Amino acid sequence: MYSVAAAQVTTELEPGASRTLTWNQEDGNGNNVPAGGYIATVQGISSSPSTRSVSAQVNFEITE
């Protein structure tokens, strides 16, 4: 199993807004990561007590 160092991006979004993140397929040292399966975890934390926080995982494959 290959472990990529996690990157934390904090962005405040207005209701209905979106954010696109792009990964350059490099590890923390600037080296291309090998082909294989990867999982990205996205977590939303609500600042409003009436709205719940959400979390999602995205599975993706890098091929040669």
Protein backbone atom coordinates (compact mmCIF):
# COMPACT_ATOMS: atom_id res chain seq x y z
CA MET A 1 0.00 0.00 0.00
CA TYR A 2 1.26 3.46 -0.88
CA SER A 3 0.43 6.35 1.41
CA VAL A 4 0.34 9.92 0.13
CA ALA A 5 0.82 12.65 2.71
CA ALA A 6 -2.46 14.39 3.41
CA ALA A 7 -3.06 17.94 2.29
CA GLN A 8 -5.45 20.10 4.23
CA VAL A 9 -7.30 22.84 2.39
CA THR A 10 -9.66 25.08 4.34
CA THR A 11 -12.14 27.14 2.37
CA GLU A 12 -15.27 28.86 3.63
CA LEU A 13 -18.12 28.52 1.14
CA GLU A 14 -21.39 30.40 0.94
CA PRO A 15 -24.57 28.29 0.61
CA GLY A 16 -24.84 26.85 -2.90
CA ALA A 17 -21.17 27.59 -3.72
CA SER A 18 -18.71 24.94 -4.88
CA ARG A 19 -14.96 24.37 -4.89
CA THR A 20 -12.87 22.23 -7.27
CA LEU A 21 -9.58 20.76 -6.06
CA THR A 22 -7.00 19.36 -8.48
CA TRP A 23 -4.19 16.98 -7.51
CA ASN A 24 -1.05 16.98 -9.66
CA GLN A 25 -0.48 13.28 -8.86
CA GLU A 26 2.74 14.04 -6.99
CA ASP A 27 3.73 13.07 -3.47
CA GLY A 28 5.01 15.52 -0.86
CA ASN A 29 8.50 15.38 -2.43
CA GLY A 30 7.34 16.27 -5.94
CA ASN A 31 7.64 12.72 -7.29
CA ASN A 32 4.90 11.22 -9.47
CA VAL A 33 2.92 8.65 -7.50
CA PRO A 34 2.62 5.13 -8.87
CA ALA A 35 -0.45 3.85 -10.69
CA GLY A 36 -3.07 2.37 -8.38
CA GLY A 37 -6.17 3.07 -6.35
CA TYR A 38 -6.46 6.15 -4.14
CA ILE A 39 -9.08 7.58 -1.79
CA ALA A 40 -9.70 11.27 -1.16
CA THR A 41 -11.75 12.20 1.91
CA VAL A 42 -13.72 15.43 1.96
CA GLN A 43 -15.22 16.74 5.18
CA GLY A 44 -17.59 19.64 5.56
CA ILE A 45 -17.92 21.26 8.96
CA SER A 46 -20.95 23.43 9.51
CA SER A 47 -20.72 26.68 11.45
CA SER A 48 -24.47 26.64 12.01
CA PRO A 49 -25.94 24.55 14.85
CA SER A 50 -29.03 23.85 12.70
CA THR A 51 -27.01 22.30 9.86
CA ARG A 52 -25.14 19.02 10.22
CA SER A 53 -21.60 18.36 9.07
CA VAL A 54 -20.99 15.99 6.15
CA SER A 55 -18.17 13.72 5.05
CA ALA A 56 -17.58 11.90 1.75
CA GLN A 57 -14.95 9.63 0.24
CA VAL A 58 -14.02 9.62 -3.44
CA ASN A 59 -12.30 6.54 -4.86
CA PHE A 60 -10.24 6.99 -8.01
CA GLU A 61 -7.68 5.12 -10.08
CA ILE A 62 -4.42 6.36 -11.58
CA THR A 63 -3.37 4.34 -14.62
CA GLU A 64 -0.11 4.41 -16.54
